[in-house]
Amino acid sequence: RERKLTVLDTAFTDVVRVELGIAVGEIEQLAAWLT
């Protein structure tokens, strides 16, 4: 929310699946940050 990232969908099962929409040029940087 603070980073104003686009959340396309959130699914709650035994785990949480958060689907984001990210500009292609920012994917690597965001993946590293999430990890």
PDB file of all heavy atoms in Angstrom:
ATOM      1  N   ARG A   1       0.832  -1.193   0.000  1.00  0.00           N
ATOM      2  CA  ARG A   1       0.000   0.000   0.000  1.00  0.00           C
ATOM      3  C   ARG A   1       0.877   1.257   0.000  1.00  0.00           C
ATOM      4  O   ARG A   1       0.608   2.208  -0.734  1.00  0.00           O
ATOM      5  CB  ARG A   1      -0.924  -0.002   1.215  1.00  0.00           C
ATOM      6  CG  ARG A   1      -1.960   1.109   1.201  1.00  0.00           C
ATOM      7  CD  ARG A   1      -2.868   1.045   2.417  1.00  0.00           C
ATOM      8  NE  ARG A   1      -3.585  -0.216   2.492  1.00  0.00           N
ATOM      9  CZ  ARG A   1      -3.376  -1.148   3.406  1.00  0.00           C
ATOM     10  NH1 ARG A   1      -2.454  -0.970   4.343  1.00  0.00           N
ATOM     11  NH2 ARG A   1      -4.075  -2.263   3.405  1.00  0.00           N
ATOM     12  N   GLU A   2       1.903   1.266   0.823  1.00  0.00           N
ATOM     13  CA  GLU A   2       2.784   2.429   0.903  1.00  0.00           C
ATOM     14  C   GLU A   2       3.522   2.673  -0.409  1.00  0.00           C
ATOM     15  O   GLU A   2       3.720   3.815  -0.826  1.00  0.00           O
ATOM     16  CB  GLU A   2       3.803   2.245   2.038  1.00  0.00           C
ATOM     17  CG  GLU A   2       3.202   2.381   3.421  1.00  0.00           C
ATOM     18  CD  GLU A   2       4.251   2.248   4.510  1.00  0.00           C
ATOM     19  OE1 GLU A   2       5.459   2.342   4.188  1.00  0.00           O
ATOM     20  OE2 GLU A   2       3.861   2.051   5.675  1.00  0.00           O
ATOM     21  N   ARG A   3       3.907   1.618  -1.078  1.00  0.00           N
ATOM     22  CA  ARG A   3       4.611   1.741  -2.352  1.00  0.00           C
ATOM     23  C   ARG A   3       3.667   1.963  -3.531  1.00  0.00           C
ATOM     24  O   ARG A   3       4.108   2.145  -4.661  1.00  0.00           O
ATOM     25  CB  ARG A   3       5.457   0.472  -2.599  1.00  0.00           C
ATOM     26  CG  ARG A   3       6.694   0.370  -1.718  1.00  0.00           C
ATOM     27  CD  ARG A   3       7.365  -0.974  -1.878  1.00  0.00           C
ATOM     28  NE  ARG A   3       8.644  -1.007  -1.178  1.00  0.00           N
ATOM     29  CZ  ARG A   3       9.837  -0.932  -1.756  1.00  0.00           C
ATOM     30  NH1 ARG A   3       9.912  -0.818  -3.073  1.00  0.00           N
ATOM     31  NH2 ARG A   3      10.934  -0.957  -1.053  1.00  0.00           N
ATOM     32  N   LYS A   4       2.361   1.920  -3.260  1.00  0.00           N
ATOM     33  CA  LYS A   4       1.332   2.140  -4.282  1.00  0.00           C
ATOM     34  C   LYS A   4       1.473   1.166  -5.451  1.00  0.00           C
ATOM     35  O   LYS A   4       1.334   1.529  -6.612  1.00  0.00           O
ATOM     36  CB  LYS A   4       1.368   3.584  -4.777  1.00  0.00           C
ATOM     37  CG  LYS A   4       1.072   4.601  -3.683  1.00  0.00           C
ATOM     38  CD  LYS A   4       1.101   6.026  -4.226  1.00  0.00           C
ATOM     39  CE  LYS A   4       0.765   7.019  -3.113  1.00  0.00           C
ATOM     40  NZ  LYS A   4       0.797   8.427  -3.583  1.00  0.00           N
ATOM     41  N   LEU A   5       1.756  -0.093  -5.107  1.00  0.00           N
ATOM     42  CA  LEU A   5       1.845  -1.133  -6.119  1.00  0.00           C
ATOM     43  C   LEU A   5       0.448  -1.621  -6.485  1.00  0.00           C
ATOM     44  O   LEU A   5      -0.475  -1.595  -5.665  1.00  0.00           O
ATOM     45  CB  LEU A   5       2.701  -2.296  -5.611  1.00  0.00           C
ATOM     46  CG  LEU A   5       4.173  -1.946  -5.344  1.00  0.00           C
ATOM     47  CD1 LEU A   5       4.886  -3.117  -4.687  1.00  0.00           C
ATOM     48  CD2 LEU A   5       4.866  -1.562  -6.637  1.00  0.00           C
ATOM     49  N   THR A   6       0.300  -2.059  -7.717  1.00  0.00           N
ATOM     50  CA  THR A   6      -1.002  -2.507  -8.208  1.00  0.00           C
ATOM     51  C   THR A   6      -1.244  -3.962  -7.814  1.00  0.00           C
ATOM     52  O   THR A   6      -0.549  -4.863  -8.288  1.00  0.00           O
ATOM     53  CB  THR A   6      -1.086  -2.370  -9.739  1.00  0.00           C
ATOM     54  OG1 THR A   6      -0.890  -0.995 -10.093  1.00  0.00           O
ATOM     55  CG2 THR A   6      -2.438  -2.835 -10.249  1.00  0.00           C
ATOM     56  N   VAL A   7      -2.216  -4.187  -6.957  1.00  0.00           N
ATOM     57  CA  VAL A   7      -2.603  -5.536  -6.555  1.00  0.00           C
ATOM     58  C   VAL A   7      -3.791  -5.956  -7.420  1.00  0.00           C
ATOM     59  O   VAL A   7      -4.871  -5.381  -7.336  1.00  0.00           O
ATOM     60  CB  VAL A   7      -2.977  -5.604  -5.067  1.00  0.00           C
ATOM     61  CG1 VAL A   7      -3.417  -7.013  -4.694  1.00  0.00           C
ATOM     62  CG2 VAL A   7      -1.801  -5.164  -4.197  1.00  0.00           C
ATOM     63  N   LEU A   8      -3.587  -6.952  -8.266  1.00  0.00           N
ATOM     64  CA  LEU A   8      -4.633  -7.411  -9.174  1.00  0.00           C
ATOM     65  C   LEU A   8      -5.596  -8.379  -8.505  1.00  0.00           C
ATOM     66  O   LEU A   8      -6.785  -8.391  -8.816  1.00  0.00           O
ATOM     67  CB  LEU A   8      -3.998  -8.085 -10.400  1.00  0.00           C
ATOM     68  CG  LEU A   8      -3.035  -7.213 -11.223  1.00  0.00           C
ATOM     69  CD1 LEU A   8      -2.387  -8.052 -12.313  1.00  0.00           C
ATOM     70  CD2 LEU A   8      -3.764  -6.029 -11.822  1.00  0.00           C
ATOM     71  N   ASP A   9      -5.077  -9.184  -7.584  1.00  0.00           N
ATOM     72  CA  ASP A   9      -5.930 -10.172  -6.928  1.00  0.00           C
ATOM     73  C   ASP A   9      -5.223 -10.696  -5.685  1.00  0.00           C
ATOM     74  O   ASP A   9      -3.984 -10.719  -5.622  1.00  0.00           O
ATOM     75  CB  ASP A   9      -6.232 -11.331  -7.887  1.00  0.00           C
ATOM     76  CG  ASP A   9      -7.282 -12.288  -7.329  1.00  0.00           C
ATOM     77  OD1 ASP A   9      -8.177 -11.818  -6.596  1.00  0.00           O
ATOM     78  OD2 ASP A   9      -7.200 -13.496  -7.606  1.00  0.00           O
ATOM     79  N   THR A  10      -6.015 -11.087  -4.684  1.00  0.00           N
ATOM     80  CA  THR A  10      -5.479 -11.732  -3.481  1.00  0.00           C
ATOM     81  C   THR A  10      -6.344 -12.941  -3.163  1.00  0.00           C
ATOM     82  O   THR A  10      -7.576 -12.814  -3.074  1.00  0.00           O
ATOM     83  CB  THR A  10      -5.469 -10.767  -2.278  1.00  0.00           C
ATOM     84  OG1 THR A  10      -4.765  -9.574  -2.625  1.00  0.00           O
ATOM     85  CG2 THR A  10      -4.780 -11.418  -1.082  1.00  0.00           C
ATOM     86  N   ALA A  11      -5.722 -14.100  -3.027  1.00  0.00           N
ATOM     87  CA  ALA A  11      -6.452 -15.341  -2.744  1.00  0.00           C
ATOM     88  C   ALA A  11      -5.950 -15.928  -1.428  1.00  0.00           C
ATOM     89  O   ALA A  11      -4.730 -16.009  -1.189  1.00  0.00           O
ATOM     90  CB  ALA A  11      -6.257 -16.338  -3.879  1.00  0.00           C
ATOM     91  N   PHE A  12      -6.887 -16.330  -0.569  1.00  0.00           N
ATOM     92  CA  PHE A  12      -6.554 -16.875   0.752  1.00  0.00           C
ATOM     93  C   PHE A  12      -6.956 -18.350   0.804  1.00  0.00           C
ATOM     94  O   PHE A  12      -8.141 -18.689   0.755  1.00  0.00           O
ATOM     95  CB  PHE A  12      -7.283 -16.090   1.838  1.00  0.00           C
ATOM     96  CG  PHE A  12      -6.956 -14.619   1.861  1.00  0.00           C
ATOM     97  CD1 PHE A  12      -7.736 -13.716   1.153  1.00  0.00           C
ATOM     98  CD2 PHE A  12      -5.864 -14.145   2.566  1.00  0.00           C
ATOM     99  CE1 PHE A  12      -7.456 -12.362   1.166  1.00  0.00           C
ATOM    100  CE2 PHE A  12      -5.558 -12.790   2.586  1.00  0.00           C
ATOM    101  CZ  PHE A  12      -6.344 -11.889   1.892  1.00  0.00           C
ATOM    102  N   THR A  13      -5.961 -19.214   0.902  1.00  0.00           N
ATOM    103  CA  THR A  13      -6.205 -20.650   1.081  1.00  0.00           C
ATOM    104  C   THR A  13      -5.351 -21.082   2.271  1.00  0.00           C
ATOM    105  O   THR A  13      -5.409 -20.456   3.323  1.00  0.00           O
ATOM    106  CB  THR A  13      -5.853 -21.428  -0.199  1.00  0.00           C
ATOM    107  OG1 THR A  13      -4.498 -21.139  -0.572  1.00  0.00           O
ATOM    108  CG2 THR A  13      -6.785 -21.038  -1.342  1.00  0.00           C
ATOM    109  N   ASP A  14      -4.559 -22.124   2.110  1.00  0.00           N
ATOM    110  CA  ASP A  14      -3.621 -22.478   3.169  1.00  0.00           C
ATOM    111  C   ASP A  14      -2.443 -21.522   3.198  1.00  0.00           C
ATOM    112  O   ASP A  14      -1.698 -21.439   4.180  1.00  0.00           O
ATOM    113  CB  ASP A  14      -3.132 -23.917   2.997  1.00  0.00           C
ATOM    114  CG  ASP A  14      -2.515 -24.151   1.625  1.00  0.00           C
ATOM    115  OD1 ASP A  14      -3.008 -23.530   0.646  1.00  0.00           O
ATOM    116  OD2 ASP A  14      -1.553 -24.935   1.529  1.00  0.00           O
ATOM    117  N   VAL A  15      -2.278 -20.772   2.073  1.00  0.00           N
ATOM    118  CA  VAL A  15      -1.283 -19.701   1.976  1.00  0.00           C
ATOM    119  C   VAL A  15      -1.994 -18.487   1.359  1.00  0.00           C
ATOM    120  O   VAL A  15      -3.166 -18.542   1.011  1.00  0.00           O
ATOM    121  CB  VAL A  15      -0.086 -20.111   1.085  1.00  0.00           C
ATOM    122  CG1 VAL A  15       0.736 -21.203   1.746  1.00  0.00           C
ATOM    123  CG2 VAL A  15      -0.570 -20.545  -0.298  1.00  0.00           C
ATOM    124  N   VAL A  16      -1.260 -17.392   1.257  1.00  0.00           N
ATOM    125  CA  VAL A  16      -1.806 -16.186   0.626  1.00  0.00           C
ATOM    126  C   VAL A  16      -1.098 -15.985  -0.711  1.00  0.00           C
ATOM    127  O   VAL A  16       0.137 -16.017  -0.787  1.00  0.00           O
ATOM    128  CB  VAL A  16      -1.618 -14.937   1.503  1.00  0.00           C
ATOM    129  CG1 VAL A  16      -2.258 -13.717   0.839  1.00  0.00           C
ATOM    130  CG2 VAL A  16      -2.185 -15.153   2.892  1.00  0.00           C
ATOM    131  N   ARG A  17      -1.890 -15.803  -1.756  1.00  0.00           N
ATOM    132  CA  ARG A  17      -1.346 -15.548  -3.090  1.00  0.00           C
ATOM    133  C   ARG A  17      -1.714 -14.117  -3.480  1.00  0.00           C
ATOM    134  O   ARG A  17      -2.897 -13.803  -3.643  1.00  0.00           O
ATOM    135  CB  ARG A  17      -1.910 -16.545  -4.105  1.00  0.00           C
ATOM    136  CG  ARG A  17      -1.607 -18.007  -3.760  1.00  0.00           C
ATOM    137  CD  ARG A  17      -2.378 -18.952  -4.684  1.00  0.00           C
ATOM    138  NE  ARG A  17      -1.921 -18.835  -6.063  1.00  0.00           N
ATOM    139  CZ  ARG A  17      -0.948 -19.585  -6.588  1.00  0.00           C
ATOM    140  NH1 ARG A  17      -0.357 -20.515  -5.842  1.00  0.00           N
ATOM    141  NH2 ARG A  17      -0.588 -19.431  -7.844  1.00  0.00           N
ATOM    142  N   VAL A  18      -0.709 -13.281  -3.600  1.00  0.00           N
ATOM    143  CA  VAL A  18      -0.911 -11.871  -3.954  1.00  0.00           C
ATOM    144  C   VAL A  18      -0.410 -11.669  -5.379  1.00  0.00           C
ATOM    145  O   VAL A  18       0.785 -11.812  -5.655  1.00  0.00           O
ATOM    146  CB  VAL A  18      -0.150 -10.938  -2.996  1.00  0.00           C
ATOM    147  CG1 VAL A  18      -0.444  -9.474  -3.348  1.00  0.00           C
ATOM    148  CG2 VAL A  18      -0.534 -11.230  -1.551  1.00  0.00           C
ATOM    149  N   GLU A  19      -1.339 -11.340  -6.285  1.00  0.00           N
ATOM    150  CA  GLU A  19      -0.973 -11.129  -7.681  1.00  0.00           C
ATOM    151  C   GLU A  19      -0.800  -9.631  -7.930  1.00  0.00           C
ATOM    152  O   GLU A  19      -1.732  -8.848  -7.730  1.00  0.00           O
ATOM    153  CB  GLU A  19      -2.041 -11.694  -8.620  1.00  0.00           C
ATOM    154  CG  GLU A  19      -1.658 -11.596 -10.090  1.00  0.00           C
ATOM    155  CD  GLU A  19      -2.705 -12.180 -11.007  1.00  0.00           C
ATOM    156  OE1 GLU A  19      -3.851 -11.688 -10.982  1.00  0.00           O
ATOM    157  OE2 GLU A  19      -2.398 -13.126 -11.747  1.00  0.00           O
ATOM    158  N   LEU A  20       0.383  -9.251  -8.399  1.00  0.00           N
ATOM    159  CA  LEU A  20       0.722  -7.858  -8.651  1.00  0.00           C
ATOM    160  C   LEU A  20       0.842  -7.604 -10.147  1.00  0.00           C
ATOM    161  O   LEU A  20       1.172  -8.508 -10.918  1.00  0.00           O
ATOM    162  CB  LEU A  20       2.047  -7.498  -7.976  1.00  0.00           C
ATOM    163  CG  LEU A  20       2.150  -7.780  -6.475  1.00  0.00           C
ATOM    164  CD1 LEU A  20       3.585  -7.560  -6.009  1.00  0.00           C
ATOM    165  CD2 LEU A  20       1.188  -6.885  -5.712  1.00  0.00           C
ATOM    166  N   GLY A  21       0.596  -6.362 -10.553  1.00  0.00           N
ATOM    167  CA  GLY A  21       0.842  -5.934 -11.920  1.00  0.00           C
ATOM    168  C   GLY A  21       2.012  -4.970 -11.921  1.00  0.00           C
ATOM    169  O   GLY A  21       1.929  -3.880 -11.349  1.00  0.00           O
ATOM    170  N   ILE A  22       3.103  -5.370 -12.540  1.00  0.00           N
ATOM    171  CA  ILE A  22       4.356  -4.620 -12.444  1.00  0.00           C
ATOM    172  C   ILE A  22       4.878  -4.278 -13.836  1.00  0.00           C
ATOM    173  O   ILE A  22       4.857  -5.127 -14.741  1.00  0.00           O
ATOM    174  CB  ILE A  22       5.439  -5.433 -11.693  1.00  0.00           C
ATOM    175  CG1 ILE A  22       4.883  -5.941 -10.357  1.00  0.00           C
ATOM    176  CG2 ILE A  22       6.702  -4.607 -11.491  1.00  0.00           C
ATOM    177  CD1 ILE A  22       4.478  -4.856  -9.393  1.00  0.00           C
ATOM    178  N   ALA A  23       5.346  -3.065 -14.019  1.00  0.00           N
ATOM    179  CA  ALA A  23       5.982  -2.683 -15.274  1.00  0.00           C
ATOM    180  C   ALA A  23       7.153  -3.630 -15.539  1.00  0.00           C
ATOM    181  O   ALA A  23       7.936  -3.937 -14.629  1.00  0.00           O
ATOM    182  CB  ALA A  23       6.474  -1.241 -15.216  1.00  0.00           C
ATOM    183  N   VAL A  24       7.261  -4.093 -16.781  1.00  0.00           N
ATOM    184  CA  VAL A  24       8.265  -5.103 -17.118  1.00  0.00           C
ATOM    185  C   VAL A  24       9.672  -4.664 -16.717  1.00  0.00           C
ATOM    186  O   VAL A  24      10.463  -5.457 -16.206  1.00  0.00           O
ATOM    187  CB  VAL A  24       8.196  -5.428 -18.628  1.00  0.00           C
ATOM    188  CG1 VAL A  24       9.420  -6.219 -19.073  1.00  0.00           C
ATOM    189  CG2 VAL A  24       6.934  -6.226 -18.934  1.00  0.00           C
ATOM    190  N   GLY A  25       9.971  -3.395 -16.902  1.00  0.00           N
ATOM    191  CA  GLY A  25      11.310  -2.910 -16.571  1.00  0.00           C
ATOM    192  C   GLY A  25      11.612  -2.875 -15.084  1.00  0.00           C
ATOM    193  O   GLY A  25      12.770  -2.702 -14.691  1.00  0.00           O
ATOM    194  N   GLU A  26      10.579  -3.055 -14.244  1.00  0.00           N
ATOM    195  CA  GLU A  26      10.769  -2.992 -12.792  1.00  0.00           C
ATOM    196  C   GLU A  26      10.659  -4.365 -12.127  1.00  0.00           C
ATOM    197  O   GLU A  26      10.778  -4.475 -10.904  1.00  0.00           O
ATOM    198  CB  GLU A  26       9.728  -2.043 -12.185  1.00  0.00           C
ATOM    199  CG  GLU A  26       9.829  -0.620 -12.718  1.00  0.00           C
ATOM    200  CD  GLU A  26       8.698   0.264 -12.233  1.00  0.00           C
ATOM    201  OE1 GLU A  26       7.870  -0.228 -11.427  1.00  0.00           O
ATOM    202  OE2 GLU A  26       8.632   1.425 -12.649  1.00  0.00           O
ATOM    203  N   ILE A  27      10.426  -5.401 -12.926  1.00  0.00           N
ATOM    204  CA  ILE A  27      10.193  -6.744 -12.373  1.00  0.00           C
ATOM    205  C   ILE A  27      11.380  -7.237 -11.543  1.00  0.00           C
ATOM    206  O   ILE A  27      11.220  -7.714 -10.411  1.00  0.00           O
ATOM    207  CB  ILE A  27       9.883  -7.754 -13.497  1.00  0.00           C
ATOM    208  CG1 ILE A  27       8.443  -7.577 -13.993  1.00  0.00           C
ATOM    209  CG2 ILE A  27      10.098  -9.178 -13.028  1.00  0.00           C
ATOM    210  CD1 ILE A  27       7.391  -8.162 -13.090  1.00  0.00           C
ATOM    211  N   GLU A  28      12.578  -7.155 -12.091  1.00  0.00           N
ATOM    212  CA  GLU A  28      13.746  -7.710 -11.401  1.00  0.00           C
ATOM    213  C   GLU A  28      13.974  -7.020 -10.070  1.00  0.00           C
ATOM    214  O   GLU A  28      14.245  -7.671  -9.044  1.00  0.00           O
ATOM    215  CB  GLU A  28      14.993  -7.579 -12.291  1.00  0.00           C
ATOM    216  CG  GLU A  28      14.921  -8.353 -13.600  1.00  0.00           C
ATOM    217  CD  GLU A  28      14.783  -9.844 -13.393  1.00  0.00           C
ATOM    218  OE1 GLU A  28      15.176 -10.350 -12.322  1.00  0.00           O
ATOM    219  OE2 GLU A  28      14.268 -10.525 -14.305  1.00  0.00           O
ATOM    220  N   GLN A  29      13.877  -5.699 -10.067  1.00  0.00           N
ATOM    221  CA  GLN A  29      14.098  -4.934  -8.837  1.00  0.00           C
ATOM    222  C   GLN A  29      13.046  -5.269  -7.785  1.00  0.00           C
ATOM    223  O   GLN A  29      13.369  -5.452  -6.613  1.00  0.00           O
ATOM    224  CB  GLN A  29      14.077  -3.438  -9.149  1.00  0.00           C
ATOM    225  CG  GLN A  29      14.319  -2.548  -7.930  1.00  0.00           C
ATOM    226  CD  GLN A  29      14.298  -1.074  -8.287  1.00  0.00           C
ATOM    227  OE1 GLN A  29      14.133  -0.702  -9.440  1.00  0.00           O
ATOM    228  NE2 GLN A  29      14.461  -0.234  -7.289  1.00  0.00           N
ATOM    229  N   LEU A  30      11.789  -5.376  -8.224  1.00  0.00           N
ATOM    230  CA  LEU A  30      10.733  -5.665  -7.270  1.00  0.00           C
ATOM    231  C   LEU A  30      10.847  -7.088  -6.742  1.00  0.00           C
ATOM    232  O   LEU A  30      10.630  -7.339  -5.546  1.00  0.00           O
ATOM    233  CB  LEU A  30       9.361  -5.457  -7.909  1.00  0.00           C
ATOM    234  CG  LEU A  30       8.215  -5.637  -6.912  1.00  0.00           C
ATOM    235  CD1 LEU A  30       8.136  -4.445  -5.977  1.00  0.00           C
ATOM    236  CD2 LEU A  30       6.899  -5.860  -7.609  1.00  0.00           C
ATOM    237  N   ALA A  31      11.192  -8.035  -7.612  1.00  0.00           N
ATOM    238  CA  ALA A  31      11.355  -9.425  -7.171  1.00  0.00           C
ATOM    239  C   ALA A  31      12.447  -9.531  -6.118  1.00  0.00           C
ATOM    240  O   ALA A  31      12.308 -10.253  -5.119  1.00  0.00           O
ATOM    241  CB  ALA A  31      11.672 -10.314  -8.369  1.00  0.00           C
ATOM    242  N   ALA A  32      13.533  -8.794  -6.315  1.00  0.00           N
ATOM    243  CA  ALA A  32      14.625  -8.800  -5.336  1.00  0.00           C
ATOM    244  C   ALA A  32      14.155  -8.201  -4.017  1.00  0.00           C
ATOM    245  O   ALA A  32      14.487  -8.717  -2.938  1.00  0.00           O
ATOM    246  CB  ALA A  32      15.819  -8.025  -5.894  1.00  0.00           C
ATOM    247  N   TRP A  33      13.394  -7.108  -4.095  1.00  0.00           N
ATOM    248  CA  TRP A  33      12.886  -6.483  -2.871  1.00  0.00           C
ATOM    249  C   TRP A  33      11.944  -7.423  -2.120  1.00  0.00           C
ATOM    250  O   TRP A  33      12.040  -7.559  -0.891  1.00  0.00           O
ATOM    251  CB  TRP A  33      12.166  -5.183  -3.209  1.00  0.00           C
ATOM    252  CG  TRP A  33      11.455  -4.614  -2.022  1.00  0.00           C
ATOM    253  CD1 TRP A  33      12.002  -3.952  -0.970  1.00  0.00           C
ATOM    254  CD2 TRP A  33      10.046  -4.718  -1.753  1.00  0.00           C
ATOM    255  NE1 TRP A  33      11.030  -3.629  -0.054  1.00  0.00           N
ATOM    256  CE2 TRP A  33       9.823  -4.078  -0.506  1.00  0.00           C
ATOM    257  CE3 TRP A  33       8.968  -5.272  -2.441  1.00  0.00           C
ATOM    258  CZ2 TRP A  33       8.556  -3.988   0.059  1.00  0.00           C
ATOM    259  CZ3 TRP A  33       7.700  -5.177  -1.878  1.00  0.00           C
ATOM    260  CH2 TRP A  33       7.504  -4.543  -0.651  1.00  0.00           C
ATOM    261  N   LEU A  34      11.031  -8.080  -2.835  1.00  0.00           N
ATOM    262  CA  LEU A  34      10.100  -8.997  -2.197  1.00  0.00           C
ATOM    263  C   LEU A  34      10.827 -10.144  -1.504  1.00  0.00           C
ATOM    264  O   LEU A  34      10.498 -10.520  -0.371  1.00  0.00           O
ATOM    265  CB  LEU A  34       9.123  -9.565  -3.231  1.00  0.00           C
ATOM    266  CG  LEU A  34       7.977  -8.653  -3.685  1.00  0.00           C
ATOM    267  CD1 LEU A  34       7.287  -9.257  -4.902  1.00  0.00           C
ATOM    268  CD2 LEU A  34       6.978  -8.445  -2.559  1.00  0.00           C
ATOM    269  N   THR A  35      11.820 -10.689  -2.187  1.00  0.00           N
ATOM    270  CA  THR A  35      12.586 -11.797  -1.619  1.00  0.00           C
ATOM    271  C   THR A  35      13.310 -11.367  -0.346  1.00  0.00           C
ATOM    272  O   THR A  35      13.301 -12.087   0.663  1.00  0.00           O
ATOM    273  CB  THR A  35      13.604 -12.318  -2.652  1.00  0.00           C
ATOM    274  OG1 THR A  35      12.896 -12.764  -3.814  1.00  0.00           O
ATOM    275  CG2 THR A  35      14.410 -13.480  -2.071  1.00  0.00           C
TER     276      THR A  35
END
